[in-house]
Amino acid sequence: MQLLKGIVIAMGLAIAIGIGVLVYVIVVRSGEMIEDADPAGEARLPSFAARNLGLPAGSRVDKMLVAGERLILTVLVPDAGQRIVVIDLATGQELGAIRLEAGP
């Protein structure tokens, strides 16, 4: 009976030490991930000068969506409906635009 108690105590200690090692490894690895991360939490993109989209007066941005390195804008243009504009975030250049007009 004493042997069985000794085995149970040894196994309990082994489990406790194993859990301690596991917690230590998780803490160390999460610390490495935090050090590798950008302080702002975002990827740094190259800067570019201000660009003019050439939208008519009175236009306003209705929606914005970032998809990868692309910025997709839905623009409300007075008397012309909507326009979807796609911009490359790395260069700031307009990649294209789609006019959404009401059909006949």
PDB file of N, CA and C in Angstrom:
ATOM      1  N   MET A   1       0.820  -1.191   0.000  1.00  0.00           N
ATOM      2  CA  MET A   1       0.000   0.000   0.000  1.00  0.00           C
ATOM      3  C   MET A   1       0.864   1.255   0.000  1.00  0.00           C
ATOM      4  N   GLN A   2       1.951   1.205   0.758  1.00  0.00           N
ATOM      5  CA  GLN A   2       2.867   2.332   0.789  1.00  0.00           C
ATOM      6  C   GLN A   2       3.465   2.584  -0.595  1.00  0.00           C
ATOM      7  N   LEU A   3       3.752   1.519  -1.315  1.00  0.00           N
ATOM      8  CA  LEU A   3       4.310   1.634  -2.675  1.00  0.00           C
ATOM      9  C   LEU A   3       3.309   2.343  -3.590  1.00  0.00           C
ATOM     10  N   LEU A   4       2.041   1.970  -3.478  1.00  0.00           N
ATOM     11  CA  LEU A   4       1.004   2.594  -4.303  1.00  0.00           C
ATOM     12  C   LEU A   4       0.875   4.092  -3.981  1.00  0.00           C
ATOM     13  N   LYS A   5       0.919   4.457  -2.703  1.00  0.00           N
ATOM     14  CA  LYS A   5       0.867   5.869  -2.334  1.00  0.00           C
ATOM     15  C   LYS A   5       2.055   6.627  -2.918  1.00  0.00           C
ATOM     16  N   GLY A   6       3.217   6.035  -2.886  1.00  0.00           N
ATOM     17  CA  GLY A   6       4.427   6.668  -3.431  1.00  0.00           C
ATOM     18  C   GLY A   6       4.318   6.878  -4.930  1.00  0.00           C
ATOM     19  N   ILE A   7       3.758   5.903  -5.623  1.00  0.00           N
ATOM     20  CA  ILE A   7       3.585   6.013  -7.074  1.00  0.00           C
ATOM     21  C   ILE A   7       2.583   7.120  -7.399  1.00  0.00           C
ATOM     22  N   VAL A   8       1.482   7.191  -6.660  1.00  0.00           N
ATOM     23  CA  VAL A   8       0.462   8.223  -6.896  1.00  0.00           C
ATOM     24  C   VAL A   8       1.051   9.615  -6.635  1.00  0.00           C
ATOM     25  N   ILE A   9       1.817   9.778  -5.581  1.00  0.00           N
ATOM     26  CA  ILE A   9       2.444  11.067  -5.280  1.00  0.00           C
ATOM     27  C   ILE A   9       3.437  11.437  -6.375  1.00  0.00           C
ATOM     28  N   ALA A  10       4.240  10.489  -6.826  1.00  0.00           N
ATOM     29  CA  ALA A  10       5.220  10.744  -7.886  1.00  0.00           C
ATOM     30  C   ALA A  10       4.518  11.150  -9.182  1.00  0.00           C
ATOM     31  N   MET A  11       3.424  10.480  -9.512  1.00  0.00           N
ATOM     32  CA  MET A  11       2.688  10.821 -10.736  1.00  0.00           C
ATOM     33  C   MET A  11       2.046  12.211 -10.608  1.00  0.00           C
ATOM     34  N   GLY A  12       1.536  12.530  -9.440  1.00  0.00           N
ATOM     35  CA  GLY A  12       0.970  13.861  -9.218  1.00  0.00           C
ATOM     36  C   GLY A  12       2.022  14.949  -9.383  1.00  0.00           C
ATOM     37  N   LEU A  13       3.205  14.711  -8.833  1.00  0.00           N
ATOM     38  CA  LEU A  13       4.298  15.671  -9.001  1.00  0.00           C
ATOM     39  C   LEU A  13       4.701  15.789 -10.470  1.00  0.00           C
ATOM     40  N   ALA A  14       4.750  14.668 -11.178  1.00  0.00           N
ATOM     41  CA  ALA A  14       5.112  14.701 -12.598  1.00  0.00           C
ATOM     42  C   ALA A  14       4.091  15.519 -13.398  1.00  0.00           C
ATOM     43  N   ILE A  15       2.810  15.356 -13.095  1.00  0.00           N
ATOM     44  CA  ILE A  15       1.759  16.130 -13.783  1.00  0.00           C
ATOM     45  C   ILE A  15       1.904  17.606 -13.459  1.00  0.00           C
ATOM     46  N   ALA A  16       2.138  17.948 -12.192  1.00  0.00           N
ATOM     47  CA  ALA A  16       2.283  19.350 -11.788  1.00  0.00           C
ATOM     48  C   ALA A  16       3.493  19.981 -12.470  1.00  0.00           C
ATOM     49  N   ILE A  17       4.605  19.275 -12.513  1.00  0.00           N
ATOM     50  CA  ILE A  17       5.801  19.799 -13.181  1.00  0.00           C
ATOM     51  C   ILE A  17       5.549  19.951 -14.680  1.00  0.00           C
ATOM     52  N   GLY A  18       4.874  18.985 -15.297  1.00  0.00           N
ATOM     53  CA  GLY A  18       4.554  19.067 -16.725  1.00  0.00           C
ATOM     54  C   GLY A  18       3.677  20.268 -17.042  1.00  0.00           C
ATOM     55  N   ILE A  19       2.681  20.531 -16.206  1.00  0.00           N
ATOM     56  CA  ILE A  19       1.808  21.700 -16.414  1.00  0.00           C
ATOM     57  C   ILE A  19       2.616  22.988 -16.240  1.00  0.00           C
ATOM     58  N   GLY A  20       3.499  23.023 -15.251  1.00  0.00           N
ATOM     59  CA  GLY A  20       4.350  24.195 -15.048  1.00  0.00           C
ATOM     60  C   GLY A  20       5.234  24.475 -16.254  1.00  0.00           C
ATOM     61  N   VAL A  21       5.840  23.426 -16.815  1.00  0.00           N
ATOM     62  CA  VAL A  21       6.676  23.580 -18.013  1.00  0.00           C
ATOM     63  C   VAL A  21       5.828  24.064 -19.185  1.00  0.00           C
ATOM     64  N   LEU A  22       4.646  23.526 -19.354  1.00  0.00           N
ATOM     65  CA  LEU A  22       3.754  23.928 -20.438  1.00  0.00           C
ATOM     66  C   LEU A  22       3.379  25.408 -20.320  1.00  0.00           C
ATOM     67  N   VAL A  23       3.030  25.855 -19.132  1.00  0.00           N
ATOM     68  CA  VAL A  23       2.688  27.266 -18.910  1.00  0.00           C
ATOM     69  C   VAL A  23       3.904  28.148 -19.202  1.00  0.00           C
ATOM     70  N   TYR A  24       5.081  27.737 -18.767  1.00  0.00           N
ATOM     71  CA  TYR A  24       6.304  28.507 -19.016  1.00  0.00           C
ATOM     72  C   TYR A  24       6.559  28.661 -20.521  1.00  0.00           C
ATOM     73  N   VAL A  25       6.440  27.583 -21.275  1.00  0.00           N
ATOM     74  CA  VAL A  25       6.676  27.621 -22.720  1.00  0.00           C
ATOM     75  C   VAL A  25       5.658  28.543 -23.399  1.00  0.00           C
ATOM     76  N   ILE A  26       4.406  28.472 -23.005  1.00  0.00           N
ATOM     77  CA  ILE A  26       3.370  29.342 -23.598  1.00  0.00           C
ATOM     78  C   ILE A  26       3.682  30.806 -23.316  1.00  0.00           C
ATOM     79  N   VAL A  27       4.083  31.134 -22.086  1.00  0.00           N
ATOM     80  CA  VAL A  27       4.393  32.520 -21.733  1.00  0.00           C
ATOM     81  C   VAL A  27       5.606  33.018 -22.518  1.00  0.00           C
ATOM     82  N   VAL A  28       6.635  32.207 -22.636  1.00  0.00           N
ATOM     83  CA  VAL A  28       7.837  32.615 -23.364  1.00  0.00           C
ATOM     84  C   VAL A  28       7.518  32.835 -24.835  1.00  0.00           C
ATOM     85  N   ARG A  29       6.786  31.944 -25.448  1.00  0.00           N
ATOM     86  CA  ARG A  29       6.470  32.083 -26.874  1.00  0.00           C
ATOM     87  C   ARG A  29       5.531  33.253 -27.143  1.00  0.00           C
ATOM     88  N   SER A  30       4.590  33.511 -26.260  1.00  0.00           N
ATOM     89  CA  SER A  30       3.707  34.659 -26.473  1.00  0.00           C
ATOM     90  C   SER A  30       4.490  35.958 -26.316  1.00  0.00           C
ATOM     91  N   GLY A  31       5.474  35.985 -25.457  1.00  0.00           N
ATOM     92  CA  GLY A  31       6.332  37.155 -25.320  1.00  0.00           C
ATOM     93  C   GLY A  31       7.141  37.407 -26.573  1.00  0.00           C
ATOM     94  N   GLU A  32       7.615  36.349 -27.231  1.00  0.00           N
ATOM     95  CA  GLU A  32       8.354  36.494 -28.484  1.00  0.00           C
ATOM     96  C   GLU A  32       7.451  37.060 -29.568  1.00  0.00           C
ATOM     97  N   MET A  33       6.185  36.644 -29.613  1.00  0.00           N
ATOM     98  CA  MET A  33       5.255  37.150 -30.621  1.00  0.00           C
ATOM     99  C   MET A  33       4.991  38.631 -30.404  1.00  0.00           C
ATOM    100  N   ILE A  34       4.886  39.048 -29.151  1.00  0.00           N
ATOM    101  CA  ILE A  34       4.638  40.455 -28.855  1.00  0.00           C
ATOM    102  C   ILE A  34       5.839  41.303 -29.269  1.00  0.00           C
ATOM    103  N   GLU A  35       7.059  40.811 -29.044  1.00  0.00           N
ATOM    104  CA  GLU A  35       8.255  41.549 -29.426  1.00  0.00           C
ATOM    105  C   GLU A  35       8.368  41.681 -30.936  1.00  0.00           C
ATOM    106  N   ASP A  36       7.939  40.661 -31.689  1.00  0.00           N
ATOM    107  CA  ASP A  36       8.018  40.678 -33.141  1.00  0.00           C
ATOM    108  C   ASP A  36       6.947  41.549 -33.768  1.00  0.00           C
ATOM    109  N   ALA A  37       5.879  41.824 -33.045  1.00  0.00           N
ATOM    110  CA  ALA A  37       4.760  42.588 -33.604  1.00  0.00           C
ATOM    111  C   ALA A  37       5.129  44.060 -33.721  1.00  0.00           C
ATOM    112  N   ASP A  38       4.491  44.723 -34.677  1.00  0.00           N
ATOM    113  CA  ASP A  38       4.647  46.162 -34.855  1.00  0.00           C
ATOM    114  C   ASP A  38       3.988  46.859 -33.665  1.00  0.00           C
ATOM    115  N   PRO A  39       4.605  47.900 -33.106  1.00  0.00           N
ATOM    116  CA  PRO A  39       4.011  48.565 -31.946  1.00  0.00           C
ATOM    117  C   PRO A  39       2.589  49.053 -32.182  1.00  0.00           C
ATOM    118  N   ALA A  40       2.284  49.484 -33.388  1.00  0.00           N
ATOM    119  CA  ALA A  40       0.926  49.958 -33.682  1.00  0.00           C
ATOM    120  C   ALA A  40       0.002  48.802 -33.987  1.00  0.00           C
ATOM    121  N   GLY A  41       0.546  47.601 -34.133  1.00  0.00           N
ATOM    122  CA  GLY A  41      -0.281  46.438 -34.432  1.00  0.00           C
ATOM    123  C   GLY A  41      -0.677  46.349 -35.897  1.00  0.00           C
ATOM    124  N   GLU A  42      -0.051  47.135 -36.736  1.00  0.00           N
ATOM    125  CA  GLU A  42      -0.397  47.131 -38.155  1.00  0.00           C
ATOM    126  C   GLU A  42       0.876  47.012 -38.975  1.00  0.00           C
ATOM    127  N   ALA A  43       0.741  46.488 -40.170  1.00  0.00           N
ATOM    128  CA  ALA A  43       1.872  46.413 -41.067  1.00  0.00           C
ATOM    129  C   ALA A  43       2.216  47.812 -41.563  1.00  0.00           C
ATOM    130  N   ARG A  44       3.486  48.083 -41.718  1.00  0.00           N
ATOM    131  CA  ARG A  44       3.905  49.398 -42.211  1.00  0.00           C
ATOM    132  C   ARG A  44       3.923  49.367 -43.734  1.00  0.00           C
ATOM    133  N   LEU A  45       3.238  50.322 -44.334  1.00  0.00           N
ATOM    134  CA  LEU A  45       3.206  50.462 -45.781  1.00  0.00           C
ATOM    135  C   LEU A  45       4.053  51.655 -46.176  1.00  0.00           C
ATOM    136  N   PRO A  46       4.634  51.616 -47.379  1.00  0.00           N
ATOM    137  CA  PRO A  46       5.408  52.767 -47.806  1.00  0.00           C
ATOM    138  C   PRO A  46       4.517  54.003 -47.911  1.00  0.00           C
ATOM    139  N   SER A  47       5.093  55.166 -47.634  1.00  0.00           N
ATOM    140  CA  SER A  47       4.306  56.394 -47.705  1.00  0.00           C
ATOM    141  C   SER A  47       4.266  56.900 -49.141  1.00  0.00           C
ATOM    142  N   PHE A  48       3.283  57.733 -49.426  1.00  0.00           N
ATOM    143  CA  PHE A  48       3.160  58.343 -50.741  1.00  0.00           C
ATOM    144  C   PHE A  48       2.548  59.721 -50.567  1.00  0.00           C
ATOM    145  N   ALA A  49       2.726  60.547 -51.576  1.00  0.00           N
ATOM    146  CA  ALA A  49       2.204  61.917 -51.512  1.00  0.00           C
ATOM    147  C   ALA A  49       0.684  61.887 -51.625  1.00  0.00           C
ATOM    148  N   ALA A  50       0.055  62.975 -51.202  1.00  0.00           N
ATOM    149  CA  ALA A  50      -1.402  63.083 -51.300  1.00  0.00           C
ATOM    150  C   ALA A  50      -1.839  62.981 -52.753  1.00  0.00           C
ATOM    151  N   ARG A  51      -2.912  62.261 -52.986  1.00  0.00           N
ATOM    152  CA  ARG A  51      -3.423  62.067 -54.345  1.00  0.00           C
ATOM    153  C   ARG A  51      -4.828  62.641 -54.449  1.00  0.00           C
ATOM    154  N   ASN A  52      -5.163  63.124 -55.625  1.00  0.00           N
ATOM    155  CA  ASN A  52      -6.495  63.632 -55.901  1.00  0.00           C
ATOM    156  C   ASN A  52      -7.237  62.585 -56.723  1.00  0.00           C
ATOM    157  N   LEU A  53      -8.403  62.171 -56.263  1.00  0.00           N
ATOM    158  CA  LEU A  53      -9.180  61.169 -56.992  1.00  0.00           C
ATOM    159  C   LEU A  53      -9.941  61.758 -58.170  1.00  0.00           C
ATOM    160  N   GLY A  54     -10.003  63.062 -58.249  1.00  0.00           N
ATOM    161  CA  GLY A  54     -10.696  63.689 -59.363  1.00  0.00           C
ATOM    162  C   GLY A  54     -12.200  63.478 -59.329  1.00  0.00           C
ATOM    163  N   LEU A  55     -12.777  63.505 -58.150  1.00  0.00           N
ATOM    164  CA  LEU A  55     -14.220  63.334 -58.023  1.00  0.00           C
ATOM    165  C   LEU A  55     -14.914  64.676 -58.199  1.00  0.00           C
ATOM    166  N   PRO A  56     -16.128  64.672 -58.731  1.00  0.00           N
ATOM    167  CA  PRO A  56     -16.862  65.927 -58.903  1.00  0.00           C
ATOM    168  C   PRO A  56     -17.165  66.587 -57.556  1.00  0.00           C
ATOM    169  N   ALA A  57     -17.371  67.901 -57.596  1.00  0.00           N
ATOM    170  CA  ALA A  57     -17.712  68.648 -56.385  1.00  0.00           C
ATOM    171  C   ALA A  57     -18.991  68.093 -55.771  1.00  0.00           C
ATOM    172  N   GLY A  58     -19.022  68.018 -54.462  1.00  0.00           N
ATOM    173  CA  GLY A  58     -20.195  67.517 -53.756  1.00  0.00           C
ATOM    174  C   GLY A  58     -20.182  66.012 -53.542  1.00  0.00           C
ATOM    175  N   SER A  59     -19.198  65.318 -54.077  1.00  0.00           N
ATOM    176  CA  SER A  59     -19.099  63.869 -53.879  1.00  0.00           C
ATOM    177  C   SER A  59     -18.724  63.583 -52.434  1.00  0.00           C
ATOM    178  N   ARG A  60     -19.180  62.427 -51.949  1.00  0.00           N
ATOM    179  CA  ARG A  60     -18.776  62.041 -50.597  1.00  0.00           C
ATOM    180  C   ARG A  60     -18.603  60.534 -50.533  1.00  0.00           C
ATOM    181  N   VAL A  61     -17.689  60.112 -49.688  1.00  0.00           N
ATOM    182  CA  VAL A  61     -17.420  58.686 -49.500  1.00  0.00           C
ATOM    183  C   VAL A  61     -18.520  58.104 -48.630  1.00  0.00           C
ATOM    184  N   ASP A  62     -19.181  57.071 -49.146  1.00  0.00           N
ATOM    185  CA  ASP A  62     -20.267  56.423 -48.416  1.00  0.00           C
ATOM    186  C   ASP A  62     -19.731  55.258 -47.589  1.00  0.00           C
ATOM    187  N   LYS A  63     -18.854  54.442 -48.191  1.00  0.00           N
ATOM    188  CA  LYS A  63     -18.311  53.264 -47.495  1.00  0.00           C
ATOM    189  C   LYS A  63     -16.849  53.091 -47.866  1.00  0.00           C
ATOM    190  N   MET A  64     -16.080  52.498 -46.931  1.00  0.00           N
ATOM    191  CA  MET A  64     -14.682  52.154 -47.176  1.00  0.00           C
ATOM    192  C   MET A  64     -14.457  50.717 -46.736  1.00  0.00           C
ATOM    193  N   LEU A  65     -13.621  50.016 -47.500  1.00  0.00           N
ATOM    194  CA  LEU A  65     -13.285  48.631 -47.176  1.00  0.00           C
ATOM    195  C   LEU A  65     -11.835  48.396 -47.555  1.00  0.00           C
ATOM    196  N   VAL A  66     -11.069  47.787 -46.659  1.00  0.00           N
ATOM    197  CA  VAL A  66      -9.692  47.420 -46.959  1.00  0.00           C
ATOM    198  C   VAL A  66      -9.675  45.929 -47.237  1.00  0.00           C
ATOM    199  N   ALA A  67      -9.152  45.563 -48.414  1.00  0.00           N
ATOM    200  CA  ALA A  67      -9.042  44.162 -48.813  1.00  0.00           C
ATOM    201  C   ALA A  67      -7.604  43.918 -49.232  1.00  0.00           C
ATOM    202  N   GLY A  68      -6.824  43.299 -48.358  1.00  0.00           N
ATOM    203  CA  GLY A  68      -5.408  43.100 -48.663  1.00  0.00           C
ATOM    204  C   GLY A  68      -4.709  44.443 -48.710  1.00  0.00           C
ATOM    205  N   GLU A  69      -4.069  44.743 -49.822  1.00  0.00           N
ATOM    206  CA  GLU A  69      -3.402  46.031 -49.997  1.00  0.00           C
ATOM    207  C   GLU A  69      -4.223  46.962 -50.880  1.00  0.00           C
ATOM    208  N   ARG A  70      -5.528  46.772 -50.885  1.00  0.00           N
ATOM    209  CA  ARG A  70      -6.424  47.602 -51.691  1.00  0.00           C
ATOM    210  C   ARG A  70      -7.423  48.315 -50.786  1.00  0.00           C
ATOM    211  N   LEU A  71      -7.707  49.568 -51.107  1.00  0.00           N
ATOM    212  CA  LEU A  71      -8.748  50.333 -50.444  1.00  0.00           C
ATOM    213  C   LEU A  71      -9.884  50.473 -51.443  1.00  0.00           C
ATOM    214  N   ILE A  72     -11.071  50.049 -51.053  1.00  0.00           N
ATOM    215  CA  ILE A  72     -12.237  50.110 -51.931  1.00  0.00           C
ATOM    216  C   ILE A  72     -13.202  51.135 -51.348  1.00  0.00           C
ATOM    217  N   LEU A  73     -13.484  52.172 -52.134  1.00  0.00           N
ATOM    218  CA  LEU A  73     -14.363  53.249 -51.701  1.00  0.00           C
ATOM    219  C   LEU A  73     -15.655  53.202 -52.497  1.00  0.00           C
ATOM    220  N   THR A  74     -16.772  53.371 -51.818  1.00  0.00           N
ATOM    221  CA  THR A  74     -18.051  53.589 -52.493  1.00  0.00           C
ATOM    222  C   THR A  74     -18.338  55.077 -52.336  1.00  0.00           C
ATOM    223  N   VAL A  75     -18.394  55.776 -53.470  1.00  0.00           N
ATOM    224  CA  VAL A  75     -18.528  57.226 -53.472  1.00  0.00           C
ATOM    225  C   VAL A  75     -19.896  57.601 -54.017  1.00  0.00           C
ATOM    226  N   LEU A  76     -20.596  58.499 -53.324  1.00  0.00           N
ATOM    227  CA  LEU A  76     -21.870  59.025 -53.808  1.00  0.00           C
ATOM    228  C   LEU A  76     -21.573  60.302 -54.593  1.00  0.00           C
ATOM    229  N   VAL A  77     -21.927  60.271 -55.883  1.00  0.00           N
ATOM    230  CA  VAL A  77     -21.663  61.406 -56.764  1.00  0.00           C
ATOM    231  C   VAL A  77     -23.001  62.081 -57.072  1.00  0.00           C
ATOM    232  N   PRO A  78     -23.120  63.390 -56.820  1.00  0.00           N
ATOM    233  CA  PRO A  78     -24.388  64.065 -57.073  1.00  0.00           C
ATOM    234  C   PRO A  78     -24.782  63.975 -58.550  1.00  0.00           C
ATOM    235  N   ASP A  79     -26.030  63.679 -58.795  1.00  0.00           N
ATOM    236  CA  ASP A  79     -26.601  63.599 -60.148  1.00  0.00           C
ATOM    237  C   ASP A  79     -25.955  62.530 -61.024  1.00  0.00           C
ATOM    238  N   ALA A  80     -25.157  61.628 -60.448  1.00  0.00           N
ATOM    239  CA  ALA A  80     -24.524  60.589 -61.256  1.00  0.00           C
ATOM    240  C   ALA A  80     -24.557  59.219 -60.578  1.00  0.00           C
ATOM    241  N   GLY A  81     -25.183  59.098 -59.423  1.00  0.00           N
ATOM    242  CA  GLY A  81     -25.281  57.800 -58.746  1.00  0.00           C
ATOM    243  C   GLY A  81     -24.063  57.503 -57.892  1.00  0.00           C
ATOM    244  N   GLN A  82     -23.646  56.254 -57.936  1.00  0.00           N
ATOM    245  CA  GLN A  82     -22.516  55.813 -57.123  1.00  0.00           C
ATOM    246  C   GLN A  82     -21.339  55.435 -58.012  1.00  0.00           C
ATOM    247  N   ARG A  83     -20.158  55.477 -57.390  1.00  0.00           N
ATOM    248  CA  ARG A  83     -18.944  55.058 -58.073  1.00  0.00           C
ATOM    249  C   ARG A  83     -18.133  54.238 -57.081  1.00  0.00           C
ATOM    250  N   ILE A  84     -17.592  53.121 -57.531  1.00  0.00           N
ATOM    251  CA  ILE A  84     -16.701  52.308 -56.703  1.00  0.00           C
ATOM    252  C   ILE A  84     -15.288  52.567 -57.198  1.00  0.00           C
ATOM    253  N   VAL A  85     -14.416  52.994 -56.281  1.00  0.00           N
ATOM    254  CA  VAL A  85     -13.043  53.334 -56.625  1.00  0.00           C
ATOM    255  C   VAL A  85     -12.112  52.383 -55.872  1.00  0.00           C
ATOM    256  N   VAL A  86     -11.134  51.799 -56.594  1.00  0.00           N
ATOM    257  CA  VAL A  86     -10.166  50.880 -55.989  1.00  0.00           C
ATOM    258  C   VAL A  86      -8.801  51.559 -55.998  1.00  0.00           C
ATOM    259  N   ILE A  87      -8.167  51.619 -54.811  1.00  0.00           N
ATOM    260  CA  ILE A  87      -6.888  52.297 -54.652  1.00  0.00           C
ATOM    261  C   ILE A  87      -5.866  51.312 -54.097  1.00  0.00           C
ATOM    262  N   ASP A  88      -4.646  51.340 -54.650  1.00  0.00           N
ATOM    263  CA  ASP A  88      -3.545  50.525 -54.162  1.00  0.00           C
ATOM    264  C   ASP A  88      -2.945  51.233 -52.949  1.00  0.00           C
ATOM    265  N   LEU A  89      -2.969  50.591 -51.772  1.00  0.00           N
ATOM    266  CA  LEU A  89      -2.473  51.224 -50.556  1.00  0.00           C
ATOM    267  C   LEU A  89      -0.957  51.383 -50.562  1.00  0.00           C
ATOM    268  N   ALA A  90      -0.243  50.555 -51.306  1.00  0.00           N
ATOM    269  CA  ALA A  90       1.211  50.653 -51.331  1.00  0.00           C
ATOM    270  C   ALA A  90       1.680  51.877 -52.110  1.00  0.00           C
ATOM    271  N   THR A  91       0.969  52.244 -53.172  1.00  0.00           N
ATOM    272  CA  THR A  91       1.399  53.359 -54.021  1.00  0.00           C
ATOM    273  C   THR A  91       0.471  54.560 -53.941  1.00  0.00           C
ATOM    274  N   GLY A  92      -0.761  54.361 -53.502  1.00  0.00           N
ATOM    275  CA  GLY A  92      -1.733  55.439 -53.459  1.00  0.00           C
ATOM    276  C   GLY A  92      -2.392  55.709 -54.794  1.00  0.00           C
ATOM    277  N   GLN A  93      -2.095  54.898 -55.790  1.00  0.00           N
ATOM    278  CA  GLN A  93      -2.663  55.123 -57.119  1.00  0.00           C
ATOM    279  C   GLN A  93      -4.038  54.481 -57.242  1.00  0.00           C
ATOM    280  N   GLU A  94      -4.884  55.156 -58.004  1.00  0.00           N
ATOM    281  CA  GLU A  94      -6.207  54.618 -58.304  1.00  0.00           C
ATOM    282  C   GLU A  94      -6.041  53.512 -59.340  1.00  0.00           C
ATOM    283  N   LEU A  95      -6.514  52.317 -59.007  1.00  0.00           N
ATOM    284  CA  LEU A  95      -6.398  51.186 -59.922  1.00  0.00           C
ATOM    285  C   LEU A  95      -7.552  51.123 -60.905  1.00  0.00           C
ATOM    286  N   GLY A  96      -8.677  51.667 -60.507  1.00  0.00           N
ATOM    287  CA  GLY A  96      -9.830  51.659 -61.393  1.00  0.00           C
ATOM    288  C   GLY A  96     -11.065  52.163 -60.685  1.00  0.00           C
ATOM    289  N   ALA A  97     -12.096  52.419 -61.480  1.00  0.00           N
ATOM    290  CA  ALA A  97     -13.356  52.901 -60.935  1.00  0.00           C
ATOM    291  C   ALA A  97     -14.500  52.279 -61.723  1.00  0.00           C
ATOM    292  N   ILE A  98     -15.591  52.041 -61.045  1.00  0.00           N
ATOM    293  CA  ILE A  98     -16.793  51.487 -61.674  1.00  0.00           C
ATOM    294  C   ILE A  98     -17.933  52.456 -61.374  1.00  0.00           C
ATOM    295  N   ARG A  99     -18.624  52.911 -62.413  1.00  0.00           N
ATOM    296  CA  ARG A  99     -19.776  53.787 -62.225  1.00  0.00           C
ATOM    297  C   ARG A  99     -21.032  52.934 -62.106  1.00  0.00           C
ATOM    298  N   LEU A 100     -21.796  53.175 -61.079  1.00  0.00           N
ATOM    299  CA  LEU A 100     -23.062  52.464 -60.893  1.00  0.00           C
ATOM    300  C   LEU A 100     -24.178  53.440 -61.225  1.00  0.00           C
ATOM    301  N   GLU A 101     -24.815  53.220 -62.347  1.00  0.00           N
ATOM    302  CA  GLU A 101     -25.876  54.119 -62.790  1.00  0.00           C
ATOM    303  C   GLU A 101     -27.174  53.352 -62.888  1.00  0.00           C
ATOM    304  N   ALA A 102     -28.250  54.062 -62.675  1.00  0.00           N
ATOM    305  CA  ALA A 102     -29.576  53.445 -62.785  1.00  0.00           C
ATOM    306  C   ALA A 102     -29.849  53.106 -64.241  1.00  0.00           C
ATOM    307  N   GLY A 103     -30.418  51.942 -64.477  1.00  0.00           N
ATOM    308  CA  GLY A 103     -30.743  51.503 -65.834  1.00  0.00           C
ATOM    309  C   GLY A 103     -32.029  52.169 -66.336  1.00  0.00           C
ATOM    310  N   PRO A 104     -32.302  51.993 -67.631  1.00  0.00           N
ATOM    311  CA  PRO A 104     -33.513  52.611 -68.208  1.00  0.00           C
ATOM    312  C   PRO A 104     -34.791  52.034 -67.644  1.00  0.00           C
TER     313      PRO A 104
END
